Structures are given as structure tokens and as C-alpha cells.
Amino acid sequence: MKEIYITNKESGISMDEISKAMDELLSQYPNLKKVLIIPPDFTRCYSYAGEISQILYKKLAPEVEVHVMPALGTHMEMDEEEKQKMFARVIPDEAFLVHHWQKDTISIGTVPKEVIEEISEGLYSTDIEVEINEKLIHGGYDLILSVGQVVPHEVVGMANYSKNLFVGVGGRQMINKSHMLSAICGMEKALGVADSPARKVFDYAQQHFLDGKLPLVYIQTVTTLNDDDLKLNGLYVGSSRKPFEKAVELSTELNIVHVERRAKKLVTYLDPDELKTTWVGNKGIYRTRMAVADGGDLIILAPGVKAFGENEEMDKMTRKYGYKGRDYVLDLFNKGAFDNKIMSAAHLIQGSSDGRFTITYCTKPENLSKEEINSVGYEWMDYNEAASLYNPDTLKEGWNTLENGEEIYFVKTPALGLWKVD
């Protein structure tokens, strides 16, 4: 196909330009009868994937049968309010498919143990079964459109491209082991890195089991958010790896904030509509940890966080073992404590500061209590008390000096970037 690359770092890409790009894409696939769109879920509400999916649906339906399967991964199913906010009721309920990572996948191949050993430099020795939702293989689709955002990511280095399939509509083994690979190799070595260990696994699987076998096109975005002004700065469409590489280049420039020195106190805010569990809310830790000073404090304002896991299985694992450090979790892992739930071990490793700095979760006590937060290894503060000290509505991005003279660094939307000191 003829790939499409659009970049506008200043004013952003207009809806009209997006529409024309989708026309250019679809014109290359005449006589479509059945199409699958795979956007992210609401935890990527700033991706422009909702708007793009709406445009695609309007252009295809009703002449073409269109299904939309949000790339949930292990996240909870989107509720009606989230669908309305992201897809504006353009896409009818009957068009949505729900991905269940525990039961809806089939194996399409295996990444050999020798490849994993080479990627991990001997730190992790296992093969990895590659699983994706069976409808991608047996659904009879003429075109599969994977829509998503390239942004720094704690597991794969830079999100999207084939991650949208192998994790977003993937199965237990790939999710488990790719996350553990990243945790063992070291999350801070992966964050913001295009060719991270997990990405190399996904690239192998893409090349061996997807390329030339599925009618698959990736639609990848790069966005920025400034003072509630969301802009689409990059739109890259194609079936090769090139659109991902172009998106990585732009995201590296726009979404990585180079902080001049580490903050003794860093405060970050979790949008209550977007982030409702520590499983996804810990982006507030992952994306800011490289800007927090040794012995410093990370304050997470979390008014909407009501659980630890996105599902009962992972919630129980978090409550049982907690975010208590890499060595603690690896010891449990080596003793077989996580069995077929390795992704939980990886998540618990990544959600700990390993004692380098203090993490304080500020929740509403009716959502998650002090006792519950303390039990998993975090400090706790009542959200209302914390918000009176660190008001997310008045703090500005970056350095702030409070009325009492205290200096803090504030990050309002951690899911949209990476903050680091070089």
C-alpha cells in the first residue's frame, strides 16, 4: 500500500486532514465487505483514536459490515459512558466486540527460547507463545485497522504498533512473559526506547506470524495536551514498521520532557474518568520516576482510583503481595508464587520505587482506604487533604513554588509522556 505520513508540530492536524487521509487509505482497498477496527480503550482517551474510529465508521458503514474491538489487554471492559465520550455514539452498540484475554485467543506461533535469551542477554530463559483474538484469524475480515497512539511506555518502550495486537487483543502467555521480560531487563532502560526488549519480541512475532498473513494496516498517532488543548501532531498510516518509526521520532521530540534536575517532591494527577485502578494509574509512577530525587517524595493525586487490579484476578494478586520491591517479588517469582499470573509479578516490580523514593497515593477513603493503600506498600493521604495542599486545578505543569515556600514539580497527565533527567 501507499503509506501516509502527516506531521504538524505547531498547530496540529485538522479533522478535515484526518478525513482526507482516511479517504486516501480506504481508496486503496476497494470492494470491502467486512472491516475490523481496533482502537485503544478509554485509558488512551487522548490518542485521537476515538475521533479516527468515528471517521472510519462513517465512511464504511452501512455499505460495509464494521466491527470495533477496543484493545483492552487486561483492562476492564469499556462502560457506556466511556464509549460515549470516546466514540460520541457514532458507533452503535451492536458494532462493538469485547476482547477477553483469558479465553478469546488462539496461538499463531512461538517466539523460541533462544531468541528470548539473546534479547534478554541471558536474564530470561523461556519461549513465548504468540496469541491474538481468534476473530482476527477466523473473522473473515477484508481489512483490519489497528488505531492507536505512540507514546513512551513502561513495558515496550514506545507504545503501539504491534503491541496493540499482541497485548491489546492478545492472550495470557504473551502478556505475562513480555511484561516479565521488561521487568527483569529493567523498566528504566526501556522507557522511551523504541527497540526495547519487549519490542524486539513483538517485532519477531510481527515478522514471522502477521506480515503477509493478515490484511492489517496500522494507523498511529502522536498527540500533545497543553492547557486542555489536545492536538494531533502526527498521523502515520501503513502496514510496514516505517509509520511506527516516524511516530517514535516525533513522540520522542514532543512527549519526552527533559527536566534539568530531579525533584525532591513531584506531584502527579490521575484523571478520575481515565484512571480508576493502580494497575493503570501507576503510569503516575512509571512516567515520572526518572525525575524524582533519591530520598524524594512522589505524590499521586488519585480521586478516581477505586481498586488495585483491572480484574478480580490481578486485584487479588496485588492485595496479596503488594508493591514491595524487585528483590522481594523476584524471590516469590522464583519460588513459583505467580504460576500463570506472571504479569502480576512484572506489574508489582514496576510499581515499586525499591526504596529510592517514597510513593504516596492520595485516594478518597470511600474508594480505597488508608489501610488498603498501606497494605500494598504505599503511603496514604486523603485526596481532599492532598488537593488542598496541591490543587491540580491551579498548579502549572513543571516547577511550582507553594505559598509555604515549598518547591514541587507537577505533572498533570502522566499517561501522555515521560519526564526524565538525562
Protein backbone atom coordinates (compact mmCIF):
# COMPACT_ATOMS: atom_id res chain seq x y z
CA MET A 1 0.00 0.00 0.00
CA LYS A 2 0.95 3.66 -0.33
CA GLU A 3 1.69 4.75 3.21
CA ILE A 4 0.57 8.11 4.62
CA TYR A 5 2.74 10.33 6.79
CA ILE A 6 1.43 13.66 8.13
CA THR A 7 3.25 15.84 10.69
CA ASN A 8 2.27 19.21 12.13
CA LYS A 9 4.18 20.08 15.29
CA GLU A 10 2.75 23.57 15.68
CA SER A 11 -1.00 23.87 15.01
CA GLY A 12 -1.85 20.18 14.76
CA ILE A 13 -3.63 18.13 12.10
CA SER A 14 -7.21 19.18 11.39
CA MET A 15 -10.25 16.91 11.28
CA ASP A 16 -10.54 17.65 7.56
CA GLU A 17 -6.96 16.48 7.02
CA ILE A 18 -7.68 13.31 9.00
CA SER A 19 -10.78 12.66 6.89
CA LYS A 20 -8.83 13.08 3.65
CA ALA A 21 -6.11 10.74 4.93
CA MET A 22 -8.71 8.09 5.71
CA ASP A 23 -10.17 8.53 2.21
CA GLU A 24 -6.69 8.00 0.77
CA LEU A 25 -6.29 4.88 2.89
CA LEU A 26 -9.66 3.34 2.04
CA SER A 27 -9.34 4.11 -1.66
CA GLN A 28 -6.55 1.53 -1.74
CA TYR A 29 -8.94 -1.18 -0.54
CA PRO A 30 -11.94 -1.22 -2.90
CA ASN A 31 -14.84 -3.66 -2.60
CA LEU A 32 -14.59 -4.06 1.16
CA LYS A 33 -17.31 -6.16 2.75
CA LYS A 34 -16.16 -6.65 6.34
CA VAL A 35 -13.74 -4.50 8.38
CA LEU A 36 -12.42 -4.69 11.94
CA ILE A 37 -11.25 -1.52 13.72
CA ILE A 38 -9.06 -1.98 16.82
CA PRO A 39 -8.79 1.29 18.79
CA PRO A 40 -7.44 1.59 22.36
CA ASP A 41 -9.75 1.79 25.36
CA PHE A 42 -10.56 4.88 27.40
CA THR A 43 -7.17 4.84 29.17
CA ARG A 44 -5.91 6.26 25.84
CA CYS A 45 -8.66 8.86 25.58
CA TYR A 46 -6.13 11.50 24.46
CA SER A 47 -4.94 9.43 21.50
CA TYR A 48 -7.34 10.79 18.83
CA ALA A 49 -8.16 7.12 18.16
CA GLY A 50 -11.79 7.74 19.11
CA GLU A 51 -12.16 10.51 16.55
CA ILE A 52 -10.38 8.48 13.85
CA SER A 53 -12.55 5.43 14.55
CA GLN A 54 -15.67 7.59 14.22
CA ILE A 55 -14.49 8.92 10.86
CA LEU A 56 -13.72 5.41 9.62
CA TYR A 57 -17.08 4.08 10.75
CA LYS A 58 -18.98 6.87 8.99
CA LYS A 59 -17.06 6.26 5.76
CA LEU A 60 -17.54 2.50 5.79
CA ALA A 61 -21.00 1.80 7.26
CA PRO A 62 -23.61 0.75 6.31
CA GLU A 63 -22.22 -0.46 2.94
CA VAL A 64 -19.51 -2.35 4.81
CA GLU A 65 -20.02 -4.53 7.90
CA VAL A 66 -17.85 -2.87 10.56
CA HIS A 67 -16.86 -4.26 13.95
CA VAL A 68 -14.95 -2.31 16.61
CA MET A 69 -12.90 -4.23 19.17
CA PRO A 70 -11.20 -1.98 21.75
CA ALA A 71 -7.68 -3.18 22.59
CA LEU A 72 -8.41 -3.85 26.25
CA GLY A 73 -5.47 -6.10 27.04
CA THR A 74 -6.08 -6.95 30.70
CA HIS A 75 -8.14 -3.79 31.30
CA MET A 76 -11.81 -3.83 32.22
CA GLU A 77 -14.49 -3.58 29.54
CA MET A 78 -15.44 -0.05 28.48
CA ASP A 79 -18.69 1.14 30.03
CA GLU A 80 -21.38 3.11 28.24
CA GLU A 81 -20.15 6.48 29.50
CA GLU A 82 -16.61 5.78 28.26
CA LYS A 83 -17.90 4.66 24.86
CA GLN A 84 -19.99 7.81 24.58
CA LYS A 85 -17.06 10.08 25.48
CA MET A 86 -14.65 8.34 23.13
CA PHE A 87 -16.90 7.46 20.18
CA ALA A 88 -19.73 10.04 20.58
CA ARG A 89 -22.46 7.45 19.89
CA VAL A 90 -21.37 7.36 16.25
CA ILE A 91 -20.62 3.66 16.57
CA PRO A 92 -23.69 1.63 17.62
CA ASP A 93 -23.52 -0.87 20.47
CA GLU A 94 -24.06 -3.81 18.16
CA ALA A 95 -20.83 -2.98 16.31
CA PHE A 96 -18.66 -3.39 19.42
CA LEU A 97 -16.83 -6.61 20.22
CA VAL A 98 -15.29 -7.25 23.65
CA HIS A 99 -11.87 -8.87 23.90
CA HIS A 100 -11.44 -11.34 26.78
CA TRP A 101 -7.73 -12.02 27.21
CA GLN A 102 -8.33 -15.17 29.26
CA LYS A 103 -10.44 -17.06 26.71
CA ASP A 104 -10.78 -15.42 23.27
CA THR A 105 -7.30 -16.02 21.86
CA ILE A 106 -5.63 -18.66 19.73
CA SER A 107 -1.92 -19.39 19.25
CA ILE A 108 -0.38 -18.31 15.96
CA GLY A 109 3.21 -19.32 16.73
CA THR A 110 6.02 -19.25 19.28
CA VAL A 111 8.99 -16.98 19.83
CA PRO A 112 11.78 -19.51 20.57
CA LYS A 113 13.61 -19.61 23.88
CA GLU A 114 16.92 -18.94 22.14
CA VAL A 115 15.56 -15.63 20.81
CA ILE A 116 14.37 -14.57 24.28
CA GLU A 117 17.73 -15.50 25.80
CA GLU A 118 19.52 -13.40 23.18
CA ILE A 119 17.20 -10.42 23.67
CA SER A 120 17.49 -10.57 27.47
CA GLU A 121 21.25 -11.27 27.40
CA GLY A 122 20.61 -14.46 29.32
CA LEU A 123 18.46 -12.92 32.06
CA TYR A 124 15.25 -14.68 30.99
CA SER A 125 15.05 -18.17 29.51
CA THR A 126 11.64 -19.14 28.14
CA ASP A 127 9.77 -19.41 24.87
CA ILE A 128 6.76 -17.16 24.38
CA GLU A 129 3.55 -18.34 22.77
CA VAL A 130 2.04 -15.70 20.49
CA GLU A 131 -1.71 -15.39 20.96
CA ILE A 132 -4.23 -13.00 19.43
CA ASN A 133 -8.01 -12.80 19.41
CA GLU A 134 -9.29 -15.59 17.22
CA LYS A 135 -11.56 -13.21 15.28
CA LEU A 136 -8.52 -11.64 13.63
CA ILE A 137 -7.73 -15.02 12.11
CA HIS A 138 -11.17 -16.54 11.57
CA GLY A 139 -13.42 -13.46 11.41
CA GLY A 140 -13.37 -13.16 7.63
CA TYR A 141 -12.23 -9.53 7.62
CA ASP A 142 -11.12 -7.91 4.37
CA LEU A 143 -9.25 -5.22 6.32
CA ILE A 144 -8.06 -4.89 9.92
CA LEU A 145 -7.27 -1.34 11.05
CA SER A 146 -5.23 -1.05 14.24
CA VAL A 147 -5.60 2.52 15.54
CA GLY A 148 -3.51 3.86 18.40
CA GLN A 149 -1.06 6.26 19.97
CA VAL A 150 2.72 6.13 20.01
CA VAL A 151 3.89 7.46 23.38
CA PRO A 152 6.61 6.49 25.90
CA HIS A 153 5.64 3.25 27.63
CA GLU A 154 6.89 1.37 30.68
CA VAL A 155 6.87 -2.15 29.17
CA VAL A 156 7.52 -1.82 25.46
CA GLY A 157 9.46 1.48 25.50
CA MET A 158 7.25 3.23 22.94
CA ALA A 159 3.59 2.16 22.82
CA ASN A 160 1.51 0.97 19.89
CA TYR A 161 2.31 -0.67 16.54
CA SER A 162 2.14 -4.45 17.10
CA LYS A 163 1.69 -4.04 20.87
CA ASN A 164 -1.90 -3.02 20.07
CA LEU A 165 -2.44 -6.61 18.87
CA PHE A 166 -0.11 -8.81 20.91
CA VAL A 167 -1.16 -7.18 24.19
CA GLY A 168 -4.29 -5.18 23.33
CA VAL A 169 -6.08 -8.17 21.80
CA GLY A 170 -3.54 -10.72 22.97
CA GLY A 171 -3.57 -13.59 25.43
CA ARG A 172 -2.18 -14.65 28.77
CA GLN A 173 1.19 -16.07 27.71
CA MET A 174 2.37 -13.14 25.58
CA ILE A 175 1.13 -10.57 28.10
CA ASN A 176 2.63 -12.47 31.02
CA LYS A 177 6.05 -13.11 29.58
CA SER A 178 6.62 -9.90 27.61
CA HIS A 179 5.87 -7.89 30.75
CA MET A 180 8.17 -10.07 32.85
CA LEU A 181 10.93 -9.77 30.26
CA SER A 182 10.72 -5.99 30.51
CA ALA A 183 10.68 -6.05 34.31
CA ILE A 184 13.70 -8.36 34.51
CA CYS A 185 15.69 -6.35 31.98
CA GLY A 186 14.83 -3.12 33.80
CA MET A 187 11.96 -0.74 33.14
CA GLU A 188 14.08 2.42 33.26
CA LYS A 189 16.19 1.01 30.39
CA ALA A 190 13.04 0.52 28.32
CA LEU A 191 11.10 3.73 28.95
CA GLY A 192 11.09 5.85 25.81
CA VAL A 193 13.32 3.38 23.90
CA ALA A 194 11.99 2.23 20.52
CA ASP A 195 13.92 -1.06 20.37
CA SER A 196 13.31 -2.27 23.92
CA PRO A 197 13.45 -5.99 24.80
CA ALA A 198 9.65 -6.36 24.65
CA ARG A 199 9.53 -4.52 21.31
CA LYS A 200 12.07 -6.95 19.87
CA VAL A 201 9.78 -9.82 20.86
CA PHE A 202 6.79 -8.13 19.22
CA ASP A 203 8.86 -7.41 16.10
CA TYR A 204 9.81 -11.08 15.83
CA ALA A 205 6.17 -12.11 16.18
CA GLN A 206 5.03 -9.48 13.66
CA GLN A 207 7.59 -10.58 11.07
CA HIS A 208 7.04 -14.30 11.49
CA PHE A 209 3.32 -14.61 12.17
CA LEU A 210 1.46 -11.49 10.91
CA ASP A 211 3.31 -9.94 7.94
CA GLY A 212 1.70 -11.13 4.71
CA LYS A 213 -0.83 -13.25 6.60
CA LEU A 214 -3.44 -10.66 7.63
CA PRO A 215 -4.92 -7.65 5.78
CA LEU A 216 -3.52 -5.41 8.51
CA VAL A 217 -2.90 -1.64 8.47
CA TYR A 218 -1.62 0.42 11.40
CA ILE A 219 -2.94 3.95 11.98
CA GLN A 220 -0.65 5.59 14.53
CA THR A 221 -0.94 8.95 16.21
CA VAL A 222 1.24 11.32 18.22
CA THR A 223 -0.59 13.87 20.36
CA THR A 224 0.13 16.67 22.83
CA LEU A 225 -2.02 18.26 25.52
CA ASN A 226 -1.34 21.82 26.67
CA ASP A 227 -3.77 23.66 28.95
CA ASP A 228 -6.56 21.24 27.95
CA ASP A 229 -5.81 21.88 24.26
CA LEU A 230 -5.38 18.44 22.68
CA LYS A 231 -3.56 18.39 19.35
CA LEU A 232 -2.92 15.62 16.87
CA ASN A 233 0.64 16.34 15.78
CA GLY A 234 1.42 13.19 13.85
CA LEU A 235 -0.61 10.70 11.80
CA TYR A 236 1.22 7.77 10.25
CA VAL A 237 -0.56 5.03 8.30
CA GLY A 238 0.81 1.86 6.78
CA SER A 239 1.38 -1.86 7.01
CA SER A 240 5.17 -1.68 7.48
CA ARG A 241 7.22 -0.69 10.53
CA LYS A 242 8.07 2.68 8.94
CA PRO A 243 4.99 4.57 10.25
CA PHE A 244 5.85 3.41 13.77
CA GLU A 245 9.42 4.62 13.37
CA LYS A 246 8.25 8.03 12.17
CA ALA A 247 5.80 8.27 15.08
CA VAL A 248 8.56 7.31 17.54
CA GLU A 249 10.77 10.08 16.19
CA LEU A 250 8.05 12.68 16.71
CA SER A 251 6.89 11.34 20.08
CA THR A 252 10.48 11.37 21.33
CA GLU A 253 10.61 15.06 20.48
CA LEU A 254 7.16 16.06 21.76
CA ASN A 255 6.30 13.61 24.57
CA ILE A 256 9.58 13.31 26.49
CA VAL A 257 10.18 16.18 28.90
CA HIS A 258 13.82 16.63 29.87
CA VAL A 259 13.83 18.03 33.40
CA GLU A 260 17.00 19.91 34.36
CA ARG A 261 17.24 18.38 37.86
CA ARG A 262 15.45 15.79 39.95
CA ALA A 263 12.57 16.99 42.11
CA LYS A 264 12.60 16.43 45.86
CA LYS A 265 8.82 16.35 45.63
CA LEU A 266 6.91 15.51 42.45
CA VAL A 267 3.11 15.64 42.33
CA THR A 268 1.10 13.97 39.59
CA TYR A 269 -2.62 13.78 38.89
CA LEU A 270 -4.71 10.84 37.69
CA ASP A 271 -7.82 11.88 35.76
CA PRO A 272 -10.75 10.15 37.57
CA ASP A 273 -12.52 9.36 34.28
CA GLU A 274 -9.42 7.86 32.72
CA LEU A 275 -7.58 6.05 35.53
CA LYS A 276 -9.56 4.06 38.10
CA THR A 277 -7.08 1.45 39.36
CA THR A 278 -3.44 1.37 40.39
CA TRP A 279 -2.93 -1.16 37.55
CA VAL A 280 -3.25 1.68 35.03
CA GLY A 281 -2.87 4.60 37.46
CA ASN A 282 0.71 3.61 38.16
CA LYS A 283 1.60 5.42 34.96
CA GLY A 284 1.93 8.21 37.51
CA ILE A 285 4.93 6.28 38.85
CA TYR A 286 6.40 4.84 35.66
CA ARG A 287 6.43 8.04 33.63
CA THR A 288 7.78 10.33 36.38
CA ARG A 289 10.16 8.12 38.37
CA MET A 290 13.25 9.28 36.46
CA ALA A 291 12.55 12.85 37.56
CA VAL A 292 12.24 12.09 41.30
CA ALA A 293 15.29 12.61 43.51
CA ASP A 294 16.76 9.85 45.66
CA GLY A 295 15.05 10.11 49.02
CA GLY A 296 12.33 12.27 47.46
CA ASP A 297 8.55 12.06 47.51
CA LEU A 298 6.15 11.15 44.72
CA ILE A 299 2.61 12.30 45.49
CA ILE A 300 -0.13 10.73 43.34
CA LEU A 301 -3.46 12.56 43.36
CA ALA A 302 -5.90 9.76 42.56
CA PRO A 303 -9.53 10.85 43.07
CA GLY A 304 -10.99 8.11 40.85
CA VAL A 305 -8.84 5.12 41.89
CA LYS A 306 -11.13 2.51 43.44
CA ALA A 307 -9.23 -0.78 43.04
CA PHE A 308 -5.78 -2.22 42.50
CA GLY A 309 -6.39 -4.51 39.54
CA GLU A 310 -8.46 -4.06 36.39
CA ASN A 311 -9.92 -7.50 37.04
CA GLU A 312 -10.52 -9.61 40.12
CA GLU A 313 -7.58 -11.92 39.43
CA MET A 314 -4.98 -9.15 39.32
CA ASP A 315 -6.63 -7.22 42.16
CA LYS A 316 -6.22 -10.25 44.42
CA MET A 317 -2.58 -10.70 43.44
CA THR A 318 -1.79 -7.06 44.21
CA ARG A 319 -3.52 -7.21 47.57
CA LYS A 320 -1.72 -10.46 48.41
CA TYR A 321 1.86 -9.44 47.55
CA GLY A 322 1.96 -5.65 47.19
CA TYR A 323 4.42 -3.22 45.64
CA LYS A 324 7.29 -4.17 47.92
CA GLY A 325 10.34 -4.17 45.69
CA ARG A 326 12.08 -6.02 42.88
CA ASP A 327 14.06 -8.46 45.04
CA TYR A 328 11.00 -9.37 47.13
CA VAL A 329 8.87 -10.07 44.07
CA LEU A 330 11.60 -11.91 42.15
CA ASP A 331 12.13 -14.18 45.16
CA LEU A 332 8.42 -15.01 45.15
CA PHE A 333 8.51 -15.46 41.38
CA ASN A 334 11.44 -17.88 41.58
CA LYS A 335 9.53 -19.86 44.22
CA GLY A 336 6.57 -20.22 41.84
CA ALA A 337 4.21 -17.87 43.66
CA PHE A 338 2.86 -16.33 40.46
CA ASP A 339 2.29 -19.54 38.48
CA ASN A 340 0.38 -18.49 35.34
CA LYS A 341 -0.02 -14.88 36.51
CA ILE A 342 3.46 -13.59 35.72
CA MET A 343 2.14 -10.24 34.50
CA SER A 344 1.24 -9.54 38.13
CA ALA A 345 4.85 -10.06 39.22
CA ALA A 346 6.05 -7.69 36.49
CA HIS A 347 3.49 -5.07 37.47
CA LEU A 348 4.44 -5.25 41.15
CA ILE A 349 8.13 -4.82 40.33
CA GLN A 350 7.44 -1.82 38.12
CA GLY A 351 5.12 -0.20 40.66
CA SER A 352 7.78 -0.05 43.37
CA SER A 353 10.48 2.57 43.86
CA ASP A 354 12.70 -0.08 45.50
CA GLY A 355 13.11 2.31 48.40
CA ARG A 356 14.66 5.05 46.26
CA PHE A 357 11.79 7.45 46.96
CA THR A 358 8.50 7.45 48.86
CA ILE A 359 5.24 6.89 46.97
CA THR A 360 2.08 8.38 48.50
CA TYR A 361 -1.28 7.51 46.95
CA CYS A 362 -3.95 10.13 47.66
CA THR A 363 -7.35 8.45 47.35
CA LYS A 364 -10.81 9.17 48.63
CA PRO A 365 -11.21 6.90 51.68
CA GLU A 366 -14.55 5.61 50.42
CA ASN A 367 -12.76 4.39 47.27
CA LEU A 368 -9.56 2.91 48.75
CA SER A 369 -8.82 3.28 52.45
CA LYS A 370 -5.59 4.15 54.22
CA GLU A 371 -5.35 0.54 55.42
CA GLU A 372 -5.73 -0.84 51.90
CA ILE A 373 -3.13 1.51 50.43
CA ASN A 374 -0.67 0.88 53.27
CA SER A 375 -1.14 -2.88 52.94
CA VAL A 376 0.33 -2.90 49.41
CA GLY A 377 3.38 -0.86 50.41
CA TYR A 378 2.43 2.74 49.66
CA GLU A 379 1.95 5.71 51.94
CA TRP A 380 -1.55 7.26 52.01
CA MET A 381 -3.14 10.68 52.23
CA ASP A 382 -6.79 11.65 51.99
CA TYR A 383 -7.37 13.05 48.50
CA ASN A 384 -9.27 16.11 49.72
CA GLU A 385 -6.48 17.00 52.13
CA ALA A 386 -3.85 16.46 49.44
CA ALA A 387 -5.78 18.50 46.87
CA SER A 388 -5.97 21.42 49.29
CA LEU A 389 -2.16 21.34 49.52
CA TYR A 390 -1.55 20.56 45.84
CA ASN A 391 -4.52 21.84 43.87
CA PRO A 392 -4.44 20.22 40.42
CA ASP A 393 -6.66 22.98 39.06
CA THR A 394 -4.21 25.76 39.90
CA LEU A 395 -0.79 24.12 39.68
CA LYS A 396 1.03 24.63 36.40
CA GLU A 397 2.98 21.98 34.53
CA GLY A 398 6.55 21.86 35.76
CA TRP A 399 8.08 23.71 38.69
CA ASN A 400 5.82 25.43 41.24
CA THR A 401 6.59 27.26 44.47
CA LEU A 402 3.78 26.86 47.00
CA GLU A 403 2.60 29.55 49.44
CA ASN A 404 4.65 27.92 52.21
CA GLY A 405 7.78 28.21 50.07
CA GLU A 406 7.98 24.53 49.18
CA GLU A 407 9.10 23.76 45.64
CA ILE A 408 7.38 20.92 43.75
CA TYR A 409 7.30 19.62 40.20
CA PHE A 410 3.80 18.97 38.82
CA VAL A 411 2.76 16.55 36.06
CA LYS A 412 -0.93 16.79 35.17
CA THR A 413 -1.29 14.00 32.59
CA PRO A 414 1.39 11.33 33.13
CA ALA A 415 -0.08 8.95 30.52
CA LEU A 416 0.84 11.41 27.77
CA GLY A 417 4.60 11.43 28.22
CA LEU A 418 7.79 10.69 30.05
CA TRP A 419 9.65 13.00 32.44
CA LYS A 420 13.33 12.37 32.98
CA VAL A 421 16.65 13.89 33.96
CA ASP A 422 19.36 12.98 31.45
